[in-house]
């Protein structure tokens, strides 16, 4: 029974820890120390089990019921967070996973009371196993998918090669007009962009909003790009990603990190038949840096407008 109780506590802790981590990623959690809450199921369970080992309590409800209740409440809390705070970002996936975790958490919290009905024990065990398996499956789907494209995709009026491309600020203004109806994923520093674009405002200001991303969060940007490009390919179109903040990113990360970042994005763009476009002001870069960027890029200014 010790292993079963501890495994339940560990599962509740990991689910809550992962949920809070996702909220932090989406800039929703108010404090970076909020993850400490996830340790409560394991701490309480360990404390109770330690007391039982030393003979302070042999009562089943204390040694098993309370850890089950605490772990179940952690899962309920995770479901509530996902359902109420992430449904705008993840739509139906968040609603389903949130309800599933709520149901499973309450089911676990009620176990100390339902176990007295011995005839129902096999039934409740099957339900518990089914809910755990379904929750793990749905959490995997949830974390690996995100709805960037939520409407019909118009015909693309711009011809471009897949991979990484660089364009001038002047051509960028023309491109915005031609892509105003297309679900572009953009990382921007300026607010002048089409409403149909899915944008992340890159800034060092700490604001808890889902559309704000820090300039040093290159792995998070990369994850967003990969999710978007993969979704676009699955929906039969070419994903288009735009960075109009390359100089800003270089200032915070350095040229070498940006070069590696763009090289990685180029490979993903080629893999998913998408295009990553960098708005490049040549006056803001050194000559040797421009040479390296041109070698990384699939093409330079090879976009046919109209």
C-alpha atoms as a PDB file:
ATOM      1  CA  UNK A   1       0.000   0.000   0.000  1.00  0.00           C
ATOM      2  CA  UNK A   2       2.930   2.356   0.646  1.00  0.00           C
ATOM      3  CA  UNK A   3       4.006   2.259  -3.001  1.00  0.00           C
ATOM      4  CA  UNK A   4       0.445   2.845  -4.203  1.00  0.00           C
ATOM      5  CA  UNK A   5      -0.054   5.830  -1.905  1.00  0.00           C
ATOM      6  CA  UNK A   6       3.292   7.384  -2.812  1.00  0.00           C
ATOM      7  CA  UNK A   7       2.695   6.842  -6.539  1.00  0.00           C
ATOM      8  CA  UNK A   8      -0.664   8.634  -6.261  1.00  0.00           C
ATOM      9  CA  UNK A   9       1.024  11.513  -4.469  1.00  0.00           C
ATOM     10  CA  UNK A  10       3.781  11.647  -7.092  1.00  0.00           C
ATOM     11  CA  UNK A  11       1.243  11.649  -9.914  1.00  0.00           C
ATOM     12  CA  UNK A  12      -0.744  14.484  -8.325  1.00  0.00           C
ATOM     13  CA  UNK A  13       2.456  16.449  -7.751  1.00  0.00           C
ATOM     14  CA  UNK A  14       3.665  16.034 -11.346  1.00  0.00           C
ATOM     15  CA  UNK A  15       0.286  16.972 -12.850  1.00  0.00           C
ATOM     16  CA  UNK A  16       0.049  20.132 -10.770  1.00  0.00           C
ATOM     17  CA  UNK A  17       3.718  20.993 -11.360  1.00  0.00           C
ATOM     18  CA  UNK A  18       3.291  20.628 -15.119  1.00  0.00           C
ATOM     19  CA  UNK A  19       0.080  22.666 -15.113  1.00  0.00           C
ATOM     20  CA  UNK A  20       1.674  25.508 -13.171  1.00  0.00           C
ATOM     21  CA  UNK A  21       4.676  25.358 -15.492  1.00  0.00           C
ATOM     22  CA  UNK A  22       2.358  25.747 -18.486  1.00  0.00           C
ATOM     23  CA  UNK A  23       0.630  28.696 -16.813  1.00  0.00           C
ATOM     24  CA  UNK A  24       4.024  30.300 -16.247  1.00  0.00           C
ATOM     25  CA  UNK A  25       4.892  29.718 -19.887  1.00  0.00           C
ATOM     26  CA  UNK A  26       1.697  31.489 -20.875  1.00  0.00           C
ATOM     27  CA  UNK A  27       2.517  34.319 -18.408  1.00  0.00           C
ATOM     28  CA  UNK A  28      -0.622  33.652 -16.340  1.00  0.00           C
ATOM     29  CA  UNK A  29       0.772  32.642 -12.943  1.00  0.00           C
ATOM     30  CA  UNK A  30       1.409  35.655 -10.718  1.00  0.00           C
ATOM     31  CA  UNK A  31       4.450  34.329  -8.869  1.00  0.00           C
ATOM     32  CA  UNK A  32       7.417  32.271 -10.032  1.00  0.00           C
ATOM     33  CA  UNK A  33       7.335  30.500  -6.646  1.00  0.00           C
ATOM     34  CA  UNK A  34       3.833  29.164  -7.304  1.00  0.00           C
ATOM     35  CA  UNK A  35       5.202  25.733  -8.249  1.00  0.00           C
ATOM     36  CA  UNK A  36       5.935  25.072  -4.580  1.00  0.00           C
ATOM     37  CA  UNK A  37       2.223  24.228  -4.261  1.00  0.00           C
ATOM     38  CA  UNK A  38       2.822  21.092  -6.285  1.00  0.00           C
ATOM     39  CA  UNK A  39       5.030  19.678  -3.524  1.00  0.00           C
ATOM     40  CA  UNK A  40       2.146  19.592  -1.010  1.00  0.00           C
ATOM     41  CA  UNK A  41       0.795  16.104  -1.973  1.00  0.00           C
ATOM     42  CA  UNK A  42       4.224  14.497  -1.692  1.00  0.00           C
ATOM     43  CA  UNK A  43       5.122  16.319   1.540  1.00  0.00           C
ATOM     44  CA  UNK A  44       1.830  15.434   3.257  1.00  0.00           C
ATOM     45  CA  UNK A  45       1.989  11.828   2.071  1.00  0.00           C
ATOM     46  CA  UNK A  46       5.590  11.445   3.165  1.00  0.00           C
ATOM     47  CA  UNK A  47       4.811  12.967   6.540  1.00  0.00           C
ATOM     48  CA  UNK A  48       1.830  10.660   7.123  1.00  0.00           C
ATOM     49  CA  UNK A  49       3.701   7.563   5.944  1.00  0.00           C
ATOM     50  CA  UNK A  50       6.675   8.400   8.142  1.00  0.00           C
ATOM     51  CA  UNK A  51       4.359   8.662  11.134  1.00  0.00           C
ATOM     52  CA  UNK A  52       2.831   5.290  10.315  1.00  0.00           C
ATOM     53  CA  UNK A  53       6.272   3.658  10.009  1.00  0.00           C
ATOM     54  CA  UNK A  54       7.173   4.877  13.491  1.00  0.00           C
ATOM     55  CA  UNK A  55       3.869   3.594  14.840  1.00  0.00           C
ATOM     56  CA  UNK A  56       2.199   6.929  15.570  1.00  0.00           C
ATOM     57  CA  UNK A  57      -0.905   6.047  13.573  1.00  0.00           C
ATOM     58  CA  UNK A  58      -2.188   2.764  12.194  1.00  0.00           C
ATOM     59  CA  UNK A  59      -5.541   4.242  11.151  1.00  0.00           C
ATOM     60  CA  UNK A  60      -6.274   3.554   7.449  1.00  0.00           C
ATOM     61  CA  UNK A  61      -8.038   6.859   6.921  1.00  0.00           C
ATOM     62  CA  UNK A  62      -5.022   8.799   8.205  1.00  0.00           C
ATOM     63  CA  UNK A  63      -2.312   6.812   6.415  1.00  0.00           C
ATOM     64  CA  UNK A  64      -4.140   6.293   3.119  1.00  0.00           C
ATOM     65  CA  UNK A  65      -7.313   8.384   3.005  1.00  0.00           C
ATOM     66  CA  UNK A  66      -5.681  11.756   3.651  1.00  0.00           C
ATOM     67  CA  UNK A  67      -2.871  11.268   1.069  1.00  0.00           C
ATOM     68  CA  UNK A  68      -5.488  10.191  -1.486  1.00  0.00           C
ATOM     69  CA  UNK A  69      -7.571  13.281  -0.721  1.00  0.00           C
ATOM     70  CA  UNK A  70      -4.597  15.665  -0.957  1.00  0.00           C
ATOM     71  CA  UNK A  71      -3.350  14.124  -4.210  1.00  0.00           C
ATOM     72  CA  UNK A  72      -6.845  14.187  -5.657  1.00  0.00           C
ATOM     73  CA  UNK A  73      -7.244  17.831  -4.737  1.00  0.00           C
ATOM     74  CA  UNK A  74      -3.969  18.659  -6.557  1.00  0.00           C
ATOM     75  CA  UNK A  75      -5.405  17.030  -9.693  1.00  0.00           C
ATOM     76  CA  UNK A  76      -8.704  18.900  -9.247  1.00  0.00           C
ATOM     77  CA  UNK A  77      -6.760  22.147  -8.936  1.00  0.00           C
ATOM     78  CA  UNK A  78      -4.872  21.336 -12.142  1.00  0.00           C
ATOM     79  CA  UNK A  79      -8.115  20.673 -13.978  1.00  0.00           C
ATOM     80  CA  UNK A  80      -9.588  23.934 -12.737  1.00  0.00           C
ATOM     81  CA  UNK A  81      -6.527  25.915 -13.873  1.00  0.00           C
ATOM     82  CA  UNK A  82      -6.515  24.331 -17.324  1.00  0.00           C
ATOM     83  CA  UNK A  83     -10.264  24.691 -17.867  1.00  0.00           C
ATOM     84  CA  UNK A  84     -10.621  28.250 -16.583  1.00  0.00           C
ATOM     85  CA  UNK A  85      -7.311  29.903 -17.546  1.00  0.00           C
ATOM     86  CA  UNK A  86      -6.148  28.156 -20.721  1.00  0.00           C
ATOM     87  CA  UNK A  87      -9.320  27.541 -22.716  1.00  0.00           C
ATOM     88  CA  UNK A  88      -8.861  30.713 -24.788  1.00  0.00           C
ATOM     89  CA  UNK A  89      -5.367  29.624 -25.860  1.00  0.00           C
ATOM     90  CA  UNK A  90      -6.072  25.917 -26.345  1.00  0.00           C
ATOM     91  CA  UNK A  91      -9.820  25.925 -27.053  1.00  0.00           C
ATOM     92  CA  UNK A  92     -11.651  22.578 -26.842  1.00  0.00           C
ATOM     93  CA  UNK A  93      -8.541  20.611 -25.822  1.00  0.00           C
ATOM     94  CA  UNK A  94      -8.274  22.641 -22.617  1.00  0.00           C
ATOM     95  CA  UNK A  95     -11.963  22.196 -21.826  1.00  0.00           C
ATOM     96  CA  UNK A  96     -11.860  18.433 -22.274  1.00  0.00           C
ATOM     97  CA  UNK A  97      -8.612  17.905 -20.361  1.00  0.00           C
ATOM     98  CA  UNK A  98      -9.751  20.273 -17.597  1.00  0.00           C
ATOM     99  CA  UNK A  99     -13.040  18.422 -17.119  1.00  0.00           C
ATOM    100  CA  UNK A 100     -11.252  15.062 -17.270  1.00  0.00           C
ATOM    101  CA  UNK A 101      -8.799  16.054 -14.524  1.00  0.00           C
ATOM    102  CA  UNK A 102     -11.595  17.508 -12.417  1.00  0.00           C
ATOM    103  CA  UNK A 103     -13.562  14.282 -12.692  1.00  0.00           C
ATOM    104  CA  UNK A 104     -10.549  12.083 -11.949  1.00  0.00           C
ATOM    105  CA  UNK A 105      -9.443  14.253  -9.028  1.00  0.00           C
ATOM    106  CA  UNK A 106     -12.876  14.115  -7.410  1.00  0.00           C
ATOM    107  CA  UNK A 107     -12.995  10.369  -8.054  1.00  0.00           C
ATOM    108  CA  UNK A 108      -9.729   9.932  -6.157  1.00  0.00           C
ATOM    109  CA  UNK A 109     -10.827  12.225  -3.320  1.00  0.00           C
ATOM    110  CA  UNK A 110     -13.967  10.123  -2.828  1.00  0.00           C
ATOM    111  CA  UNK A 111     -12.106   6.808  -2.778  1.00  0.00           C
ATOM    112  CA  UNK A 112     -11.710   6.698   1.045  1.00  0.00           C
ATOM    113  CA  UNK A 113     -15.516   6.791   1.277  1.00  0.00           C
ATOM    114  CA  UNK A 114     -16.464   4.575  -1.691  1.00  0.00           C
ATOM    115  CA  UNK A 115     -14.089   1.754  -0.665  1.00  0.00           C
ATOM    116  CA  UNK A 116     -16.471   0.702   2.089  1.00  0.00           C
ATOM    117  CA  UNK A 117     -18.792  -0.628  -0.609  1.00  0.00           C
ATOM    118  CA  UNK A 118     -16.781  -3.781  -1.304  1.00  0.00           C
ATOM    119  CA  UNK A 119     -18.992  -4.830  -4.203  1.00  0.00           C
ATOM    120  CA  UNK A 120     -18.075  -1.656  -6.059  1.00  0.00           C
ATOM    121  CA  UNK A 121     -14.307  -1.971  -5.581  1.00  0.00           C
ATOM    122  CA  UNK A 122     -13.617  -3.772  -8.905  1.00  0.00           C
ATOM    123  CA  UNK A 123     -15.756  -1.212 -10.720  1.00  0.00           C
ATOM    124  CA  UNK A 124     -14.047   1.773  -9.085  1.00  0.00           C
ATOM    125  CA  UNK A 125     -10.633   0.251  -9.797  1.00  0.00           C
ATOM    126  CA  UNK A 126     -11.427  -0.093 -13.511  1.00  0.00           C
ATOM    127  CA  UNK A 127     -12.682   3.505 -13.609  1.00  0.00           C
ATOM    128  CA  UNK A 128      -9.527   4.717 -11.885  1.00  0.00           C
ATOM    129  CA  UNK A 129      -7.207   2.898 -14.316  1.00  0.00           C
ATOM    130  CA  UNK A 130      -9.228   4.117 -17.297  1.00  0.00           C
ATOM    131  CA  UNK A 131      -9.158   7.741 -16.109  1.00  0.00           C
ATOM    132  CA  UNK A 132      -5.410   7.650 -15.435  1.00  0.00           C
ATOM    133  CA  UNK A 133      -4.672   6.210 -18.885  1.00  0.00           C
ATOM    134  CA  UNK A 134      -6.999   8.685 -20.599  1.00  0.00           C
ATOM    135  CA  UNK A 135      -5.566  11.620 -18.622  1.00  0.00           C
ATOM    136  CA  UNK A 136      -1.988  10.707 -19.586  1.00  0.00           C
ATOM    137  CA  UNK A 137      -2.998  10.363 -23.237  1.00  0.00           C
ATOM    138  CA  UNK A 138      -4.877  13.661 -23.298  1.00  0.00           C
ATOM    139  CA  UNK A 139      -2.058  15.495 -21.498  1.00  0.00           C
ATOM    140  CA  UNK A 140       0.342  14.280 -24.177  1.00  0.00           C
ATOM    141  CA  UNK A 141      -1.973  15.516 -26.940  1.00  0.00           C
ATOM    142  CA  UNK A 142      -2.569  18.769 -25.104  1.00  0.00           C
ATOM    143  CA  UNK A 143       1.082  19.674 -24.598  1.00  0.00           C
ATOM    144  CA  UNK A 144       2.075  18.765 -28.156  1.00  0.00           C
ATOM    145  CA  UNK A 145      -0.720  20.620 -29.938  1.00  0.00           C
ATOM    146  CA  UNK A 146      -1.885  24.188 -30.013  1.00  0.00           C
ATOM    147  CA  UNK A 147      -4.505  25.753 -32.266  1.00  0.00           C
ATOM    148  CA  UNK A 148      -2.784  28.553 -34.181  1.00  0.00           C
ATOM    149  CA  UNK A 149      -4.994  28.305 -37.264  1.00  0.00           C
ATOM    150  CA  UNK A 150      -8.641  28.384 -36.188  1.00  0.00           C
ATOM    151  CA  UNK A 151     -10.417  29.389 -39.394  1.00  0.00           C
ATOM    152  CA  UNK A 152     -10.520  28.701 -43.130  1.00  0.00           C
ATOM    153  CA  UNK A 153      -7.214  29.306 -44.865  1.00  0.00           C
ATOM    154  CA  UNK A 154      -7.357  31.715 -47.836  1.00  0.00           C
ATOM    155  CA  UNK A 155      -5.399  31.198 -51.037  1.00  0.00           C
ATOM    156  CA  UNK A 156      -1.828  32.324 -50.545  1.00  0.00           C
ATOM    157  CA  UNK A 157      -1.058  35.256 -52.850  1.00  0.00           C
ATOM    158  CA  UNK A 158       2.675  35.228 -52.180  1.00  0.00           C
ATOM    159  CA  UNK A 159       5.127  32.802 -53.751  1.00  0.00           C
ATOM    160  CA  UNK A 160       8.188  31.936 -51.701  1.00  0.00           C
ATOM    161  CA  UNK A 161      10.557  29.081 -51.245  1.00  0.00           C
ATOM    162  CA  UNK A 162      10.382  27.018 -48.059  1.00  0.00           C
ATOM    163  CA  UNK A 163      13.057  27.638 -45.466  1.00  0.00           C
ATOM    164  CA  UNK A 164      14.540  30.821 -44.028  1.00  0.00           C
ATOM    165  CA  UNK A 165      14.312  34.092 -45.945  1.00  0.00           C
ATOM    166  CA  UNK A 166      15.302  37.670 -45.209  1.00  0.00           C
ATOM    167  CA  UNK A 167      13.513  40.742 -46.502  1.00  0.00           C
ATOM    168  CA  UNK A 168      14.009  44.477 -46.125  1.00  0.00           C
ATOM    169  CA  UNK A 169      11.731  46.639 -43.933  1.00  0.00           C
ATOM    170  CA  UNK A 170      10.324  48.237 -47.092  1.00  0.00           C
ATOM    171  CA  UNK A 171       9.313  44.905 -48.602  1.00  0.00           C
ATOM    172  CA  UNK A 172       7.904  43.881 -45.222  1.00  0.00           C
ATOM    173  CA  UNK A 173       5.297  46.661 -45.464  1.00  0.00           C
ATOM    174  CA  UNK A 174       4.205  45.325 -48.852  1.00  0.00           C
ATOM    175  CA  UNK A 175       4.140  41.782 -47.530  1.00  0.00           C
ATOM    176  CA  UNK A 176       1.857  42.718 -44.647  1.00  0.00           C
ATOM    177  CA  UNK A 177      -0.776  43.897 -47.070  1.00  0.00           C
ATOM    178  CA  UNK A 178      -0.618  40.723 -49.142  1.00  0.00           C
ATOM    179  CA  UNK A 179      -0.754  38.494 -46.073  1.00  0.00           C
ATOM    180  CA  UNK A 180      -3.415  40.460 -44.219  1.00  0.00           C
ATOM    181  CA  UNK A 181      -5.939  37.602 -44.530  1.00  0.00           C
ATOM    182  CA  UNK A 182      -3.483  34.755 -43.938  1.00  0.00           C
ATOM    183  CA  UNK A 183      -2.948  33.229 -40.440  1.00  0.00           C
ATOM    184  CA  UNK A 184       0.681  34.269 -40.120  1.00  0.00           C
ATOM    185  CA  UNK A 185       2.582  33.588 -36.897  1.00  0.00           C
ATOM    186  CA  UNK A 186       4.587  36.729 -36.064  1.00  0.00           C
ATOM    187  CA  UNK A 187       7.001  37.814 -33.357  1.00  0.00           C
ATOM    188  CA  UNK A 188       6.802  41.579 -33.366  1.00  0.00           C
ATOM    189  CA  UNK A 189       8.052  44.760 -31.745  1.00  0.00           C
ATOM    190  CA  UNK A 190       5.523  47.059 -33.390  1.00  0.00           C
ATOM    191  CA  UNK A 191       1.738  47.062 -33.219  1.00  0.00           C
ATOM    192  CA  UNK A 192       1.103  47.745 -36.898  1.00  0.00           C
ATOM    193  CA  UNK A 193       0.113  44.288 -38.153  1.00  0.00           C
ATOM    194  CA  UNK A 194      -3.053  42.622 -39.569  1.00  0.00           C
ATOM    195  CA  UNK A 195      -5.651  41.471 -37.041  1.00  0.00           C
ATOM    196  CA  UNK A 196      -5.742  37.985 -38.555  1.00  0.00           C
ATOM    197  CA  UNK A 197      -2.125  37.320 -37.557  1.00  0.00           C
ATOM    198  CA  UNK A 198      -1.282  35.333 -34.444  1.00  0.00           C
ATOM    199  CA  UNK A 199       1.294  37.601 -32.807  1.00  0.00           C
ATOM    200  CA  UNK A 200       3.606  37.519 -29.834  1.00  0.00           C
ATOM    201  CA  UNK A 201       4.913  40.853 -28.646  1.00  0.00           C
ATOM    202  CA  UNK A 202       8.599  40.504 -27.788  1.00  0.00           C
ATOM    203  CA  UNK A 203       9.515  42.631 -24.776  1.00  0.00           C
ATOM    204  CA  UNK A 204      11.564  42.532 -21.589  1.00  0.00           C
ATOM    205  CA  UNK A 205       8.672  44.023 -19.602  1.00  0.00           C
ATOM    206  CA  UNK A 206       7.259  41.433 -17.208  1.00  0.00           C
ATOM    207  CA  UNK A 207       3.549  41.259 -17.977  1.00  0.00           C
ATOM    208  CA  UNK A 208       1.376  38.201 -17.345  1.00  0.00           C
ATOM    209  CA  UNK A 209      -0.277  38.039 -20.746  1.00  0.00           C
ATOM    210  CA  UNK A 210      -0.316  35.086 -23.105  1.00  0.00           C
ATOM    211  CA  UNK A 211       0.736  37.145 -26.141  1.00  0.00           C
ATOM    212  CA  UNK A 212       3.928  38.523 -24.551  1.00  0.00           C
ATOM    213  CA  UNK A 213       7.249  36.720 -24.797  1.00  0.00           C
ATOM    214  CA  UNK A 214      10.680  37.637 -23.443  1.00  0.00           C
ATOM    215  CA  UNK A 215      13.518  38.297 -25.913  1.00  0.00           C
ATOM    216  CA  UNK A 216      15.718  35.720 -24.183  1.00  0.00           C
ATOM    217  CA  UNK A 217      13.057  32.978 -24.449  1.00  0.00           C
ATOM    218  CA  UNK A 218      14.432  31.570 -27.709  1.00  0.00           C
ATOM    219  CA  UNK A 219      13.494  27.939 -26.863  1.00  0.00           C
ATOM    220  CA  UNK A 220       9.889  29.014 -26.263  1.00  0.00           C
ATOM    221  CA  UNK A 221       9.803  30.899 -29.566  1.00  0.00           C
ATOM    222  CA  UNK A 222      11.218  27.847 -31.316  1.00  0.00           C
ATOM    223  CA  UNK A 223       8.527  25.640 -29.762  1.00  0.00           C
ATOM    224  CA  UNK A 224       5.809  28.036 -30.923  1.00  0.00           C
ATOM    225  CA  UNK A 225       7.214  28.061 -34.458  1.00  0.00           C
ATOM    226  CA  UNK A 226       7.475  24.271 -34.684  1.00  0.00           C
ATOM    227  CA  UNK A 227       3.920  23.783 -33.400  1.00  0.00           C
ATOM    228  CA  UNK A 228       2.596  26.305 -35.901  1.00  0.00           C
ATOM    229  CA  UNK A 229       4.525  24.937 -38.909  1.00  0.00           C
ATOM    230  CA  UNK A 230       3.450  21.397 -38.103  1.00  0.00           C
ATOM    231  CA  UNK A 231      -0.203  22.421 -37.761  1.00  0.00           C
ATOM    232  CA  UNK A 232      -0.089  24.367 -41.030  1.00  0.00           C
ATOM    233  CA  UNK A 233       1.317  21.365 -42.894  1.00  0.00           C
ATOM    234  CA  UNK A 234      -1.361  19.100 -41.406  1.00  0.00           C
ATOM    235  CA  UNK A 235      -4.006  21.526 -42.684  1.00  0.00           C
ATOM    236  CA  UNK A 236      -2.539  21.467 -46.188  1.00  0.00           C
ATOM    237  CA  UNK A 237      -0.941  24.889 -46.332  1.00  0.00           C
ATOM    238  CA  UNK A 238       2.460  26.485 -45.962  1.00  0.00           C
ATOM    239  CA  UNK A 239       3.023  28.084 -42.593  1.00  0.00           C
ATOM    240  CA  UNK A 240       4.542  31.548 -42.621  1.00  0.00           C
ATOM    241  CA  UNK A 241       6.454  32.860 -39.619  1.00  0.00           C
ATOM    242  CA  UNK A 242       7.714  36.434 -39.425  1.00  0.00           C
ATOM    243  CA  UNK A 243      10.271  38.005 -37.093  1.00  0.00           C
ATOM    244  CA  UNK A 244      10.350  41.802 -37.265  1.00  0.00           C
ATOM    245  CA  UNK A 245      12.544  42.006 -34.164  1.00  0.00           C
ATOM    246  CA  UNK A 246      15.849  40.399 -35.150  1.00  0.00           C
ATOM    247  CA  UNK A 247      17.944  43.371 -34.062  1.00  0.00           C
ATOM    248  CA  UNK A 248      16.167  43.392 -30.700  1.00  0.00           C
ATOM    249  CA  UNK A 249      16.797  39.678 -30.245  1.00  0.00           C
ATOM    250  CA  UNK A 250      20.463  40.102 -31.113  1.00  0.00           C
ATOM    251  CA  UNK A 251      20.819  42.830 -28.494  1.00  0.00           C
ATOM    252  CA  UNK A 252      19.598  40.484 -25.743  1.00  0.00           C
ATOM    253  CA  UNK A 253      21.072  37.177 -26.918  1.00  0.00           C
ATOM    254  CA  UNK A 254      24.138  38.019 -28.970  1.00  0.00           C
ATOM    255  CA  UNK A 255      24.759  37.254 -32.623  1.00  0.00           C
ATOM    256  CA  UNK A 256      25.999  33.686 -32.178  1.00  0.00           C
ATOM    257  CA  UNK A 257      22.856  32.606 -30.319  1.00  0.00           C
ATOM    258  CA  UNK A 258      20.622  34.270 -32.924  1.00  0.00           C
ATOM    259  CA  UNK A 259      22.512  32.622 -35.780  1.00  0.00           C
ATOM    260  CA  UNK A 260      22.058  29.179 -34.192  1.00  0.00           C
ATOM    261  CA  UNK A 261      18.399  29.967 -33.480  1.00  0.00           C
ATOM    262  CA  UNK A 262      17.690  30.964 -37.084  1.00  0.00           C
ATOM    263  CA  UNK A 263      19.597  27.984 -38.449  1.00  0.00           C
ATOM    264  CA  UNK A 264      17.429  25.657 -36.377  1.00  0.00           C
ATOM    265  CA  UNK A 265      14.242  27.379 -37.548  1.00  0.00           C
ATOM    266  CA  UNK A 266      15.384  27.060 -41.161  1.00  0.00           C
ATOM    267  CA  UNK A 267      15.680  23.283 -40.738  1.00  0.00           C
ATOM    268  CA  UNK A 268      12.202  23.059 -39.226  1.00  0.00           C
ATOM    269  CA  UNK A 269      10.775  25.221 -41.998  1.00  0.00           C
ATOM    270  CA  UNK A 270      12.273  22.916 -44.623  1.00  0.00           C
ATOM    271  CA  UNK A 271      10.986  19.871 -42.738  1.00  0.00           C
ATOM    272  CA  UNK A 272       7.398  21.161 -42.632  1.00  0.00           C
ATOM    273  CA  UNK A 273       7.484  22.985 -45.985  1.00  0.00           C
ATOM    274  CA  UNK A 274       7.042  26.360 -44.313  1.00  0.00           C
ATOM    275  CA  UNK A 275       8.730  29.730 -44.481  1.00  0.00           C
ATOM    276  CA  UNK A 276      10.435  31.713 -41.747  1.00  0.00           C
ATOM    277  CA  UNK A 277      10.915  35.359 -42.741  1.00  0.00           C
ATOM    278  CA  UNK A 278      13.284  37.694 -40.976  1.00  0.00           C
ATOM    279  CA  UNK A 279      12.911  41.442 -41.452  1.00  0.00           C
ATOM    280  CA  UNK A 280      16.502  42.569 -41.780  1.00  0.00           C
ATOM    281  CA  UNK A 281      17.827  46.128 -41.608  1.00  0.00           C
ATOM    282  CA  UNK A 282      21.314  45.719 -43.039  1.00  0.00           C
ATOM    283  CA  UNK A 283      22.502  48.951 -41.420  1.00  0.00           C
ATOM    284  CA  UNK A 284      22.083  47.360 -37.975  1.00  0.00           C
ATOM    285  CA  UNK A 285      24.410  44.415 -38.691  1.00  0.00           C
ATOM    286  CA  UNK A 286      28.115  44.064 -39.243  1.00  0.00           C
ATOM    287  CA  UNK A 287      29.292  42.874 -42.651  1.00  0.00           C
ATOM    288  CA  UNK A 288      30.601  39.550 -41.334  1.00  0.00           C
ATOM    289  CA  UNK A 289      27.271  38.981 -39.594  1.00  0.00           C
ATOM    290  CA  UNK A 290      25.372  39.586 -42.831  1.00  0.00           C
ATOM    291  CA  UNK A 291      27.598  37.093 -44.635  1.00  0.00           C
ATOM    292  CA  UNK A 292      26.836  34.427 -42.032  1.00  0.00           C
ATOM    293  CA  UNK A 293      23.095  35.154 -42.146  1.00  0.00           C
ATOM    294  CA  UNK A 294      23.095  34.890 -45.925  1.00  0.00           C
ATOM    295  CA  UNK A 295      24.764  31.500 -45.686  1.00  0.00           C
ATOM    296  CA  UNK A 296      22.198  30.327 -43.151  1.00  0.00           C
ATOM    297  CA  UNK A 297      19.248  31.565 -45.187  1.00  0.00           C
ATOM    298  CA  UNK A 298      17.603  29.511 -47.889  1.00  0.00           C
ATOM    299  CA  UNK A 299      17.368  32.679 -49.972  1.00  0.00           C
ATOM    300  CA  UNK A 300      17.542  36.445 -49.678  1.00  0.00           C
ATOM    301  CA  UNK A 301      14.755  38.653 -51.080  1.00  0.00           C
ATOM    302  CA  UNK A 302      13.379  35.703 -53.105  1.00  0.00           C
ATOM    303  CA  UNK A 303       9.723  36.479 -52.521  1.00  0.00           C
ATOM    304  CA  UNK A 304       7.391  37.209 -55.408  1.00  0.00           C
ATOM    305  CA  UNK A 305       4.688  39.645 -54.413  1.00  0.00           C
ATOM    306  CA  UNK A 306       1.338  39.685 -56.097  1.00  0.00           C
END
